[in-house]
Amino acid sequence: MTATTGPRAFRSSELSRGSREVFEAAEEHPVDVTRRDGEDLVLMTKREAAARERLLELAAQLIAVSTDDRGTLGARMARAFPWMLALSPTARETCATELLEAARASFGTGQSHLVAAEMTAWRETATAIAAGLDQAPVDWIDYEVEVERP
């Protein structure tokens, strides 16, 4: 989802005459298509529409969690996101708080990737813990390795 700066506008006649320019702009961010004979339209990529849909679905889940009064925030979030049960109770509370903060930032800025990245990071952490990767021995390198400067 793009930032909340206003979308670029094109007249419907511009879409007819110069669709390439309009489509290129729509690949960058949603564009308004103004019409004289009907309601204005918004043209955006399928990826953008899917990101908006996911953000709305997440908002619905977070509203449900926030209106539930049974248990801690972490426990309520784990009911909505069962993968959180792989986390320790302390990590669950941290995860819940960080997800809410990322969601608020996403909703406030229109940038759905903020909460999506946070959600993915926590879900992957929970998956790794569930797979026992947090129990695997770690082989640390006891000597410095010099690398070339990129």
Foldseek 3Di string as FASTA:
>chain_A
DAFPDDAAEDEVVCCVVPVPVVVVSQAVPWYWYDYPVDHIDIRHDPVLVVLVVVLVVVVVLVVVLVVDDPDDSLVSVCVVVVLLVLPDPVVSNVLSVCLVVQSVVCVVTVPSVSNVVSVVVSSVVSVCSVVVVVVDDDDDDPDDDDDDDD
